[in-house]
């Protein structure tokens, strides 16, 4: 069994990981907002964001499960409330992640289109 101090350390690590995920997301958005964005760089930042977010979600789920068991003594076998709540929270996180990914995809496409328009205007202009 882990001590409360170790649990707090784990939560601090998750907090730092969450900050790193947000930093990666901001880097992806920053890259996409550049005049000539690097799609590869933006995809790398997006991938880092998603992987880190998955790790944070997994860690938080473990802590929630632990707290549920500690607060009730142990998981109640006849109740599905905890499982339903965890599923509902996971569903909410999934939908939020999907909306964020859709927003990043929209920004990427918008910047790609702007880049294509600029290139076509440059090709059409006489030297």
N, C-alpha and C. Protein backbone atom coordinates (compact mmCIF):
# COMPACT_ATOMS: atom_id res chain seq x y z
N UNK A 1 0.84 -1.19 0.00
CA UNK A 1 0.00 0.00 0.00
C UNK A 1 0.89 1.25 0.00
N UNK A 2 0.51 2.21 -0.78
CA UNK A 2 1.30 3.43 -0.90
C UNK A 2 0.93 4.42 0.20
N UNK A 3 1.92 5.13 0.67
CA UNK A 3 1.68 6.10 1.73
C UNK A 3 1.02 7.36 1.16
N UNK A 4 0.36 8.14 2.01
CA UNK A 4 -0.25 9.39 1.54
C UNK A 4 0.78 10.33 0.89
N UNK A 5 1.99 10.36 1.43
CA UNK A 5 3.03 11.23 0.84
C UNK A 5 3.36 10.78 -0.58
N UNK A 6 3.42 9.47 -0.79
CA UNK A 6 3.70 8.95 -2.13
C UNK A 6 2.54 9.26 -3.08
N UNK A 7 1.31 9.16 -2.58
CA UNK A 7 0.14 9.49 -3.40
C UNK A 7 0.19 10.96 -3.82
N UNK A 8 0.56 11.83 -2.88
CA UNK A 8 0.66 13.25 -3.21
C UNK A 8 1.75 13.50 -4.24
N UNK A 9 2.87 12.80 -4.11
CA UNK A 9 3.96 12.92 -5.10
C UNK A 9 3.46 12.51 -6.48
N UNK A 10 2.70 11.40 -6.52
CA UNK A 10 2.16 10.93 -7.79
C UNK A 10 1.21 11.97 -8.39
N UNK A 11 0.39 12.59 -7.55
CA UNK A 11 -0.52 13.62 -8.03
C UNK A 11 0.25 14.85 -8.53
N UNK A 12 1.34 15.19 -7.86
CA UNK A 12 2.18 16.30 -8.32
C UNK A 12 2.77 15.99 -9.68
N UNK A 13 3.19 14.74 -9.87
CA UNK A 13 3.73 14.33 -11.16
C UNK A 13 2.66 14.43 -12.24
N UNK A 14 1.44 14.00 -11.91
CA UNK A 14 0.34 14.11 -12.87
C UNK A 14 0.05 15.57 -13.21
N UNK A 15 0.15 16.44 -12.22
CA UNK A 15 -0.07 17.86 -12.46
C UNK A 15 1.00 18.42 -13.41
N UNK A 16 2.24 18.01 -13.21
CA UNK A 16 3.33 18.44 -14.11
C UNK A 16 3.11 17.88 -15.51
N UNK A 17 2.65 16.63 -15.59
CA UNK A 17 2.37 16.03 -16.90
C UNK A 17 1.25 16.77 -17.60
N UNK A 18 0.24 17.18 -16.84
CA UNK A 18 -0.87 17.93 -17.43
C UNK A 18 -0.37 19.27 -17.96
N UNK A 19 0.50 19.92 -17.21
CA UNK A 19 1.10 21.18 -17.68
C UNK A 19 1.90 20.95 -18.96
N UNK A 20 2.61 19.83 -19.02
CA UNK A 20 3.39 19.49 -20.22
C UNK A 20 2.46 19.25 -21.41
N UNK A 21 1.32 18.60 -21.16
CA UNK A 21 0.35 18.35 -22.23
C UNK A 21 -0.20 19.68 -22.76
N UNK A 22 -0.54 20.58 -21.86
CA UNK A 22 -1.05 21.88 -22.28
C UNK A 22 0.02 22.67 -23.03
N UNK A 23 1.26 22.54 -22.61
CA UNK A 23 2.35 23.20 -23.31
C UNK A 23 2.49 22.65 -24.73
N UNK A 24 2.40 21.34 -24.87
CA UNK A 24 2.49 20.72 -26.20
C UNK A 24 1.34 21.19 -27.09
N UNK A 25 0.14 21.29 -26.51
CA UNK A 25 -1.02 21.77 -27.28
C UNK A 25 -0.80 23.21 -27.72
N UNK A 26 -0.29 24.04 -26.82
CA UNK A 26 -0.05 25.44 -27.18
C UNK A 26 1.04 25.55 -28.25
N UNK A 27 2.04 24.67 -28.18
CA UNK A 27 3.09 24.67 -29.20
C UNK A 27 2.52 24.27 -30.56
N UNK A 28 1.59 23.31 -30.56
CA UNK A 28 0.96 22.90 -31.82
C UNK A 28 0.17 24.06 -32.42
N UNK A 29 -0.59 24.75 -31.58
CA UNK A 29 -1.38 25.88 -32.06
C UNK A 29 -0.47 27.01 -32.52
N UNK A 30 0.59 27.26 -31.78
CA UNK A 30 1.56 28.29 -32.16
C UNK A 30 2.18 27.96 -33.52
N UNK A 31 2.54 26.70 -33.70
CA UNK A 31 3.14 26.28 -34.98
C UNK A 31 2.15 26.48 -36.12
N UNK A 32 0.89 26.14 -35.89
CA UNK A 32 -0.12 26.28 -36.94
C UNK A 32 -0.45 27.74 -37.23
N UNK A 33 -0.18 28.62 -36.29
CA UNK A 33 -0.49 30.04 -36.50
C UNK A 33 0.62 30.78 -37.24
N UNK A 34 1.74 30.10 -37.47
CA UNK A 34 2.85 30.73 -38.19
C UNK A 34 2.47 30.93 -39.65
N UNK A 35 3.18 31.86 -40.28
CA UNK A 35 2.92 32.13 -41.68
C UNK A 35 3.22 30.91 -42.55
N UNK A 36 4.30 30.20 -42.21
CA UNK A 36 4.65 28.97 -42.91
C UNK A 36 4.77 27.86 -41.87
N UNK A 37 3.63 27.28 -41.48
CA UNK A 37 3.68 26.26 -40.42
C UNK A 37 4.29 24.95 -40.92
N UNK A 38 4.97 24.29 -40.02
CA UNK A 38 5.50 22.96 -40.31
C UNK A 38 4.47 21.95 -39.82
N UNK A 39 3.82 21.29 -40.76
CA UNK A 39 2.78 20.32 -40.40
C UNK A 39 3.38 19.19 -39.57
N UNK A 40 4.60 18.78 -39.93
CA UNK A 40 5.24 17.70 -39.18
C UNK A 40 5.46 18.12 -37.73
N UNK A 41 5.93 19.34 -37.52
CA UNK A 41 6.15 19.86 -36.17
C UNK A 41 4.83 19.92 -35.41
N UNK A 42 3.77 20.40 -36.05
CA UNK A 42 2.46 20.50 -35.41
C UNK A 42 1.94 19.11 -35.05
N UNK A 43 2.14 18.15 -35.94
CA UNK A 43 1.70 16.78 -35.66
C UNK A 43 2.50 16.17 -34.51
N UNK A 44 3.78 16.48 -34.43
CA UNK A 44 4.60 15.99 -33.32
C UNK A 44 4.09 16.54 -32.00
N UNK A 45 3.82 17.85 -31.97
CA UNK A 45 3.29 18.46 -30.75
C UNK A 45 1.92 17.88 -30.40
N UNK A 46 1.08 17.68 -31.41
CA UNK A 46 -0.25 17.12 -31.17
C UNK A 46 -0.15 15.70 -30.62
N UNK A 47 0.75 14.93 -31.18
CA UNK A 47 0.95 13.55 -30.71
C UNK A 47 1.45 13.54 -29.27
N UNK A 48 2.38 14.42 -28.96
CA UNK A 48 2.89 14.52 -27.58
C UNK A 48 1.76 14.89 -26.64
N UNK A 49 0.93 15.83 -27.06
CA UNK A 49 -0.22 16.25 -26.25
C UNK A 49 -1.13 15.06 -25.95
N UNK A 50 -1.48 14.30 -26.98
CA UNK A 50 -2.40 13.18 -26.80
C UNK A 50 -1.81 12.09 -25.92
N UNK A 51 -0.54 11.75 -26.14
CA UNK A 51 0.09 10.71 -25.32
C UNK A 51 0.18 11.12 -23.86
N UNK A 52 0.57 12.36 -23.63
CA UNK A 52 0.68 12.85 -22.25
C UNK A 52 -0.69 12.91 -21.60
N UNK A 53 -1.68 13.34 -22.36
CA UNK A 53 -3.04 13.41 -21.82
C UNK A 53 -3.56 12.02 -21.46
N UNK A 54 -3.24 11.02 -22.28
CA UNK A 54 -3.63 9.64 -21.96
C UNK A 54 -2.99 9.18 -20.66
N UNK A 55 -1.72 9.51 -20.46
CA UNK A 55 -1.03 9.14 -19.23
C UNK A 55 -1.66 9.82 -18.01
N UNK A 56 -2.00 11.09 -18.16
CA UNK A 56 -2.64 11.82 -17.06
C UNK A 56 -4.00 11.20 -16.75
N UNK A 57 -4.76 10.93 -17.80
CA UNK A 57 -6.08 10.33 -17.61
C UNK A 57 -5.98 8.98 -16.89
N UNK A 58 -5.04 8.18 -17.31
CA UNK A 58 -4.84 6.87 -16.69
C UNK A 58 -4.47 7.02 -15.22
N UNK A 59 -3.54 7.92 -14.94
CA UNK A 59 -3.12 8.14 -13.55
C UNK A 59 -4.25 8.65 -12.69
N UNK A 60 -5.04 9.59 -13.23
CA UNK A 60 -6.17 10.11 -12.46
C UNK A 60 -7.22 9.04 -12.22
N UNK A 61 -7.45 8.20 -13.21
CA UNK A 61 -8.41 7.11 -13.04
C UNK A 61 -7.98 6.17 -11.93
N UNK A 62 -6.68 5.89 -11.86
CA UNK A 62 -6.17 5.03 -10.78
C UNK A 62 -6.39 5.67 -9.42
N UNK A 63 -6.15 6.97 -9.34
CA UNK A 63 -6.35 7.66 -8.06
C UNK A 63 -7.82 7.73 -7.68
N UNK A 64 -8.69 7.93 -8.66
CA UNK A 64 -10.13 7.96 -8.38
C UNK A 64 -10.59 6.60 -7.90
N UNK A 65 -10.12 5.55 -8.55
CA UNK A 65 -10.47 4.19 -8.12
C UNK A 65 -9.99 3.95 -6.70
N UNK A 66 -8.76 4.35 -6.42
CA UNK A 66 -8.20 4.19 -5.07
C UNK A 66 -9.06 4.94 -4.05
N UNK A 67 -9.39 6.20 -4.36
CA UNK A 67 -10.19 6.99 -3.42
C UNK A 67 -11.58 6.40 -3.23
N UNK A 68 -12.16 5.86 -4.28
CA UNK A 68 -13.47 5.22 -4.18
C UNK A 68 -13.39 4.03 -3.24
N UNK A 69 -12.36 3.22 -3.39
CA UNK A 69 -12.21 2.04 -2.54
C UNK A 69 -11.91 2.43 -1.10
N UNK A 70 -11.09 3.44 -0.90
CA UNK A 70 -10.73 3.85 0.45
C UNK A 70 -11.94 4.46 1.16
N UNK A 71 -12.71 5.26 0.44
CA UNK A 71 -13.84 5.95 1.08
C UNK A 71 -14.96 4.99 1.44
N UNK A 72 -15.07 3.88 0.75
CA UNK A 72 -16.13 2.92 1.05
C UNK A 72 -15.59 1.67 1.73
N UNK A 73 -14.31 1.62 1.94
CA UNK A 73 -13.71 0.42 2.51
C UNK A 73 -13.28 -0.53 1.42
N UNK A 74 -14.12 -0.72 0.45
CA UNK A 74 -13.80 -1.50 -0.75
C UNK A 74 -14.93 -1.29 -1.75
N UNK A 75 -14.69 -1.67 -2.96
CA UNK A 75 -15.70 -1.49 -3.99
C UNK A 75 -16.90 -2.37 -3.67
N UNK A 76 -18.08 -1.78 -3.75
CA UNK A 76 -19.30 -2.53 -3.47
C UNK A 76 -19.68 -3.35 -4.70
N UNK A 77 -19.73 -4.65 -4.55
CA UNK A 77 -19.94 -5.52 -5.70
C UNK A 77 -21.34 -5.41 -6.29
N UNK A 78 -22.30 -5.01 -5.47
CA UNK A 78 -23.68 -4.95 -5.96
C UNK A 78 -24.03 -3.64 -6.63
N UNK A 79 -23.14 -2.67 -6.58
CA UNK A 79 -23.43 -1.35 -7.13
C UNK A 79 -22.62 -1.12 -8.39
N UNK A 80 -23.26 -0.53 -9.35
CA UNK A 80 -22.55 -0.19 -10.59
C UNK A 80 -22.36 1.32 -10.71
N UNK A 81 -22.68 2.05 -9.64
CA UNK A 81 -22.59 3.51 -9.69
C UNK A 81 -21.17 3.98 -10.04
N UNK A 82 -20.18 3.42 -9.34
CA UNK A 82 -18.79 3.86 -9.58
C UNK A 82 -18.39 3.59 -11.02
N UNK A 83 -18.74 2.43 -11.53
CA UNK A 83 -18.39 2.09 -12.92
C UNK A 83 -19.11 3.01 -13.90
N UNK A 84 -20.38 3.28 -13.62
CA UNK A 84 -21.14 4.17 -14.49
C UNK A 84 -20.55 5.57 -14.48
N UNK A 85 -20.19 6.03 -13.29
CA UNK A 85 -19.61 7.37 -13.16
C UNK A 85 -18.27 7.45 -13.88
N UNK A 86 -17.45 6.41 -13.73
CA UNK A 86 -16.15 6.39 -14.42
C UNK A 86 -16.35 6.38 -15.94
N UNK A 87 -17.33 5.61 -16.40
CA UNK A 87 -17.60 5.57 -17.84
C UNK A 87 -18.09 6.94 -18.32
N UNK A 88 -18.97 7.56 -17.54
CA UNK A 88 -19.49 8.87 -17.90
C UNK A 88 -18.35 9.90 -17.96
N UNK A 89 -17.45 9.85 -16.99
CA UNK A 89 -16.32 10.78 -16.98
C UNK A 89 -15.38 10.50 -18.15
N UNK A 90 -15.14 9.23 -18.44
CA UNK A 90 -14.28 8.87 -19.58
C UNK A 90 -14.91 9.35 -20.89
N UNK A 91 -16.22 9.18 -21.01
CA UNK A 91 -16.94 9.62 -22.20
C UNK A 91 -16.81 11.14 -22.36
N UNK A 92 -16.96 11.85 -21.26
CA UNK A 92 -16.83 13.30 -21.29
C UNK A 92 -15.41 13.70 -21.71
N UNK A 93 -14.40 13.04 -21.17
CA UNK A 93 -13.01 13.34 -21.54
C UNK A 93 -12.77 13.03 -23.01
N UNK A 94 -13.34 11.93 -23.48
CA UNK A 94 -13.19 11.56 -24.89
C UNK A 94 -13.79 12.63 -25.79
N UNK A 95 -15.01 13.05 -25.47
CA UNK A 95 -15.68 14.07 -26.29
C UNK A 95 -14.89 15.38 -26.27
N UNK A 96 -14.37 15.74 -25.11
CA UNK A 96 -13.58 16.97 -25.01
C UNK A 96 -12.31 16.84 -25.86
N UNK A 97 -11.64 15.71 -25.77
CA UNK A 97 -10.42 15.49 -26.56
C UNK A 97 -10.74 15.53 -28.05
N UNK A 98 -11.87 14.92 -28.43
CA UNK A 98 -12.25 14.93 -29.85
C UNK A 98 -12.52 16.35 -30.33
N UNK A 99 -13.18 17.15 -29.50
CA UNK A 99 -13.47 18.52 -29.92
C UNK A 99 -12.17 19.32 -30.05
N UNK A 100 -11.21 19.08 -29.15
CA UNK A 100 -9.93 19.78 -29.23
C UNK A 100 -9.17 19.34 -30.50
N UNK A 101 -9.21 18.03 -30.79
CA UNK A 101 -8.54 17.53 -32.00
C UNK A 101 -9.19 18.10 -33.25
N UNK A 102 -10.52 18.18 -33.26
CA UNK A 102 -11.22 18.76 -34.40
C UNK A 102 -10.82 20.21 -34.59
N UNK A 103 -10.68 20.94 -33.49
CA UNK A 103 -10.26 22.33 -33.56
C UNK A 103 -8.84 22.44 -34.13
N UNK A 104 -7.94 21.58 -33.67
CA UNK A 104 -6.57 21.57 -34.21
C UNK A 104 -6.57 21.22 -35.70
N UNK A 105 -7.39 20.25 -36.08
CA UNK A 105 -7.48 19.85 -37.48
C UNK A 105 -8.01 21.01 -38.33
N UNK A 106 -9.02 21.71 -37.81
CA UNK A 106 -9.59 22.85 -38.52
C UNK A 106 -8.53 23.94 -38.71
N UNK A 107 -7.77 24.22 -37.66
CA UNK A 107 -6.71 25.22 -37.75
C UNK A 107 -5.63 24.80 -38.74
N UNK A 108 -5.28 23.52 -38.71
CA UNK A 108 -4.26 23.01 -39.64
C UNK A 108 -4.74 23.19 -41.07
N UNK A 109 -5.99 22.80 -41.34
CA UNK A 109 -6.54 22.93 -42.69
C UNK A 109 -6.62 24.38 -43.12
N UNK A 110 -7.03 25.24 -42.20
CA UNK A 110 -7.13 26.66 -42.50
C UNK A 110 -5.77 27.23 -42.89
N UNK A 111 -4.75 26.88 -42.15
CA UNK A 111 -3.41 27.38 -42.46
C UNK A 111 -2.85 26.74 -43.73
N UNK A 112 -3.18 25.50 -43.98
CA UNK A 112 -2.74 24.85 -45.22
C UNK A 112 -3.37 25.55 -46.42
N UNK A 113 -4.66 25.88 -46.30
CA UNK A 113 -5.35 26.57 -47.39
C UNK A 113 -4.75 27.95 -47.63
N UNK A 114 -4.43 28.64 -46.54
CA UNK A 114 -3.82 29.96 -46.68
C UNK A 114 -2.46 29.84 -47.37
N UNK A 115 -1.70 28.83 -46.98
CA UNK A 115 -0.40 28.61 -47.60
C UNK A 115 -0.53 28.29 -49.07
N UNK A 116 -1.53 27.47 -49.42
CA UNK A 116 -1.76 27.12 -50.82
C UNK A 116 -2.16 28.34 -51.63
N UNK A 117 -3.01 29.20 -51.04
CA UNK A 117 -3.43 30.41 -51.74
C UNK A 117 -2.23 31.33 -51.97
N UNK A 118 -1.39 31.46 -50.96
CA UNK A 118 -0.21 32.32 -51.10
C UNK A 118 0.72 31.78 -52.18
N UNK A 119 0.89 30.48 -52.23
CA UNK A 119 1.76 29.88 -53.24
C UNK A 119 1.18 30.08 -54.63
N UNK A 120 -0.16 29.92 -54.76
CA UNK A 120 -0.76 30.08 -56.09
C UNK A 120 -0.70 31.55 -56.53
N UNK A 121 -0.83 32.48 -55.60
CA UNK A 121 -0.71 33.90 -55.95
C UNK A 121 0.72 34.23 -56.37
N UNK A 122 1.69 33.62 -55.70
CA UNK A 122 3.09 33.87 -56.04
C UNK A 122 3.42 33.31 -57.42
N UNK A 123 2.82 32.17 -57.77
CA UNK A 123 3.08 31.55 -59.07
C UNK A 123 2.43 32.38 -60.19
N UNK A 124 1.26 32.99 -59.89
CA UNK A 124 0.54 33.75 -60.90
C UNK A 124 1.16 35.13 -61.13
N UNK A 125 1.82 35.68 -60.13
CA UNK A 125 2.43 37.01 -60.25
C UNK A 125 3.67 36.93 -61.14
N UNK A 126 3.80 37.86 -62.08
CA UNK A 126 5.01 37.86 -62.90
C UNK A 126 6.20 38.33 -62.07
N UNK A 127 7.39 37.82 -62.36
CA UNK A 127 8.60 38.19 -61.60
C UNK A 127 9.02 39.62 -61.80
